[in-house]
């Protein structure tokens, strides 16, 4: 009887530990601008996905966090399906922003910033126009 009781308790503990999830959106409240990577690692833990690129002589890095979605007994580890999705953005090793990278408003804002940057670099030719009134002739 004791063996069954121990097995039952172990099964409950395993089930409950599997049900606990990290709430990355809540953990992100511990972040602040200009943190270094070690400080972010301490607050958020290791990222699910990392990406690095170079832009305008700056190293841009993204650390993405999400909690796998549980549907019944199936766990789906996908950022697209996750309820909480946090991406931490670094510029030259320092936090420049964080939040939901898949947020529609953020995507639109970044697109507008990019378009403004492109438009500000366009030089327009000088055009001189004269209008003559030929009606009196």
Protein backbone atom coordinates (compact mmCIF):
# COMPACT_ATOMS: atom_id res chain seq x y z
CA UNK A 1 0.00 0.00 0.00
CA UNK A 2 2.85 2.40 0.78
CA UNK A 3 4.36 1.84 -2.66
CA UNK A 4 1.09 2.86 -4.32
CA UNK A 5 0.83 5.94 -2.12
CA UNK A 6 4.42 7.00 -3.00
CA UNK A 7 3.74 6.39 -6.68
CA UNK A 8 0.55 8.46 -6.48
CA UNK A 9 2.33 11.36 -4.71
CA UNK A 10 5.18 11.25 -7.25
CA UNK A 11 2.68 11.29 -10.13
CA UNK A 12 0.88 14.33 -8.65
CA UNK A 13 4.17 16.20 -8.12
CA UNK A 14 5.25 15.40 -11.69
CA UNK A 15 1.89 16.55 -13.06
CA UNK A 16 1.90 19.79 -11.06
CA UNK A 17 5.50 20.62 -12.00
CA UNK A 18 4.63 20.06 -15.67
CA UNK A 19 1.70 22.46 -15.32
CA UNK A 20 3.77 25.33 -13.94
CA UNK A 21 4.90 27.67 -16.67
CA UNK A 22 7.12 30.68 -16.81
CA UNK A 23 5.31 33.94 -17.42
CA UNK A 24 7.89 35.84 -19.46
CA UNK A 25 5.69 38.92 -19.78
CA UNK A 26 5.67 39.16 -15.99
CA UNK A 27 9.42 38.48 -15.72
CA UNK A 28 10.12 41.24 -18.25
CA UNK A 29 9.00 43.78 -15.66
CA UNK A 30 12.43 43.21 -14.08
CA UNK A 31 14.20 44.50 -17.20
CA UNK A 32 15.47 48.02 -17.73
CA UNK A 33 17.04 49.88 -20.61
CA UNK A 34 20.82 49.66 -20.99
CA UNK A 35 21.11 46.33 -19.10
CA UNK A 36 23.90 44.07 -20.35
CA UNK A 37 23.38 40.47 -21.48
CA UNK A 38 24.45 38.94 -18.15
CA UNK A 39 21.86 41.03 -16.30
CA UNK A 40 19.12 40.02 -18.74
CA UNK A 41 20.12 36.38 -18.40
CA UNK A 42 19.77 36.72 -14.64
CA UNK A 43 16.23 38.16 -14.93
CA UNK A 44 14.86 36.16 -17.87
CA UNK A 45 17.01 33.03 -18.04
CA UNK A 46 18.23 31.51 -21.31
CA UNK A 47 16.31 32.51 -24.45
CA UNK A 48 14.35 30.09 -26.60
CA UNK A 49 15.83 31.68 -29.74
CA UNK A 50 18.64 34.13 -30.51
CA UNK A 51 19.30 36.19 -33.64
CA UNK A 52 22.17 38.58 -34.45
CA UNK A 53 22.70 41.01 -37.32
CA UNK A 54 24.81 44.06 -38.10
CA UNK A 55 23.13 47.29 -39.16
CA UNK A 56 24.68 50.75 -39.55
CA UNK A 57 27.91 49.59 -37.86
CA UNK A 58 25.95 48.41 -34.80
CA UNK A 59 25.48 44.84 -33.65
CA UNK A 60 21.76 44.16 -33.22
CA UNK A 61 20.72 41.10 -31.21
CA UNK A 62 17.33 39.63 -30.32
CA UNK A 63 16.61 37.15 -27.55
CA UNK A 64 13.13 35.63 -27.86
CA UNK A 65 11.19 34.05 -25.01
CA UNK A 66 7.84 32.27 -25.04
CA UNK A 67 6.03 29.67 -23.01
CA UNK A 68 5.11 26.52 -24.94
CA UNK A 69 1.36 26.15 -25.45
CA UNK A 70 -0.32 23.15 -23.85
CA UNK A 71 -3.36 21.74 -25.61
CA UNK A 72 -4.60 18.78 -23.61
CA UNK A 73 -1.57 16.59 -23.04
CA UNK A 74 0.23 17.94 -26.11
CA UNK A 75 2.86 20.64 -25.73
CA UNK A 76 3.46 22.86 -28.77
CA UNK A 77 6.69 24.82 -28.57
CA UNK A 78 6.00 27.60 -31.07
CA UNK A 79 6.45 31.36 -30.69
CA UNK A 80 3.53 31.90 -33.07
CA UNK A 81 1.10 30.03 -30.81
CA UNK A 82 2.44 31.19 -27.45
CA UNK A 83 0.27 33.33 -25.18
CA UNK A 84 3.24 35.24 -23.80
CA UNK A 85 5.90 36.34 -26.22
CA UNK A 86 8.77 38.62 -25.17
CA UNK A 87 11.73 39.64 -27.29
CA UNK A 88 14.64 41.56 -25.79
CA UNK A 89 16.52 43.74 -28.27
CA UNK A 90 20.17 44.62 -27.76
CA UNK A 91 22.25 47.25 -29.55
CA UNK A 92 25.99 46.72 -29.03
CA UNK A 93 25.33 44.41 -26.07
CA UNK A 94 22.91 46.71 -24.21
CA UNK A 95 19.11 46.48 -23.94
CA UNK A 96 17.50 49.00 -26.27
CA UNK A 97 13.89 47.73 -26.03
CA UNK A 98 11.80 44.71 -25.18
CA UNK A 99 8.26 43.52 -25.72
CA UNK A 100 6.15 41.44 -28.06
CA UNK A 101 8.02 41.48 -31.38
CA UNK A 102 4.94 40.08 -33.11
CA UNK A 103 2.72 42.94 -31.96
CA UNK A 104 1.06 44.53 -35.00
CA UNK A 105 1.59 48.09 -33.73
CA UNK A 106 5.30 47.48 -33.18
CA UNK A 107 5.70 46.02 -36.68
CA UNK A 108 3.90 49.02 -38.19
CA UNK A 109 5.99 51.48 -36.17
CA UNK A 110 9.26 49.84 -37.23
CA UNK A 111 8.12 49.85 -40.85
CA UNK A 112 7.33 53.57 -40.68
CA UNK A 113 10.72 54.30 -39.06
CA UNK A 114 12.43 52.43 -41.88
CA UNK A 115 10.47 54.29 -44.55
CA UNK A 116 11.26 57.65 -42.93
CA UNK A 117 14.94 56.78 -42.85
CA UNK A 118 14.88 55.90 -46.56
CA UNK A 119 12.92 59.04 -47.46
CA UNK A 120 15.27 61.30 -45.50
CA UNK A 121 18.20 60.06 -47.61
CA UNK A 122 16.55 60.87 -50.94
CA UNK A 123 17.81 64.01 -52.62
CA UNK A 124 15.42 65.75 -54.94
CA UNK A 125 16.68 67.65 -58.01
CA UNK A 126 16.24 71.39 -58.17
CA UNK A 127 13.42 72.11 -60.54
CA UNK A 128 12.78 75.62 -61.77
CA UNK A 129 9.56 76.37 -63.53
CA UNK A 130 8.43 79.48 -65.30
CA UNK A 131 4.93 80.05 -66.44
CA UNK A 132 4.31 82.23 -69.42
CA UNK A 133 1.00 83.76 -70.18
CA UNK A 134 0.47 83.36 -73.95
CA UNK A 135 -3.17 84.50 -73.94
CA UNK A 136 -2.35 88.14 -74.61
CA UNK A 137 -0.31 87.43 -77.75
